Protein backbone atom coordinates (compact mmCIF):
# COMPACT_ATOMS: atom_id res chain seq x y z
CA MET A 1 0.00 0.00 0.00
CA HIS A 2 2.76 2.39 0.95
CA ARG A 3 4.52 1.97 -2.41
CA ILE A 4 1.27 2.52 -4.32
CA VAL A 5 0.55 5.74 -2.43
CA GLN A 6 4.09 7.05 -2.90
CA THR A 7 3.94 6.35 -6.64
CA ARG A 8 0.53 7.97 -6.96
CA LEU A 9 1.74 11.06 -5.12
CA ARG A 10 4.47 11.45 -7.73
CA PHE A 11 2.50 10.73 -10.89
CA ASP A 12 -1.30 10.74 -10.36
CA LEU A 13 -2.92 14.18 -10.63
CA ARG A 14 -6.06 13.07 -8.81
CA THR A 15 -4.02 11.94 -5.80
CA GLN A 16 -1.92 15.11 -5.86
CA ASP A 17 -5.08 17.23 -5.82
CA CYS A 18 -6.42 15.24 -2.88
CA PHE A 19 -3.09 15.72 -1.07
CA GLU A 20 -3.17 19.49 -1.60
CA ARG A 21 -6.79 19.70 -0.42
CA ARG A 22 -5.96 17.89 2.81
CA VAL A 23 -2.88 20.06 3.40
CA LYS A 24 -5.15 23.09 3.24
CA GLU A 25 -7.37 21.41 5.84
CA GLY A 26 -4.36 21.38 8.16
CA LYS A 27 -3.61 17.66 8.10
CA THR A 28 -0.06 16.35 8.43
CA ARG A 29 1.65 14.33 5.71
CA ARG A 30 1.39 11.24 7.87
CA GLU A 31 -2.38 11.65 8.26
CA ILE A 32 -2.81 12.27 4.54
CA VAL A 33 -0.84 9.16 3.59
CA ARG A 34 -2.98 7.13 6.01
CA CYS A 35 -6.16 8.43 4.30
CA LEU A 36 -4.75 7.68 0.86
CA LYS A 37 -3.86 4.14 1.92
CA ARG A 38 -7.47 3.62 2.98
CA CYS A 39 -8.65 4.84 -0.43
CA VAL A 40 -6.26 2.47 -2.19
CA ALA A 41 -7.40 -0.43 0.01
CA ARG A 42 -11.03 0.28 -0.94
CA GLU A 43 -10.18 0.36 -4.65
CA VAL A 44 -8.19 -2.88 -4.47
CA PHE A 45 -10.91 -4.60 -2.45
CA HIS A 46 -13.53 -3.80 -5.09
CA LEU A 47 -11.24 -5.14 -7.81
CA VAL A 48 -10.42 -8.46 -6.15
CA ARG A 49 -13.66 -9.39 -4.40
CA PRO A 50 -15.70 -12.06 -6.14
CA THR A 51 -18.79 -10.94 -7.97
CA GLN A 52 -22.04 -12.57 -6.93
CA PRO A 53 -24.28 -14.08 -9.64
C-alpha cells in the first residue's frame, strides 16, 4: 500500500489534488498518507472481491 501511495503522489494528478486539499485542511503528511492508503485499500478490495451471480 505504501509503495502505491508514494507512486501515486508522484505521478497521479487526482491523488496530488487530494493531497493538496488535505494540506489546506491542516492535516499532516502522515495523516494524509494514512487516508490515501485507505482509499487504495477500498479500490483494491472492489477489484479483487468475487462478484455474486
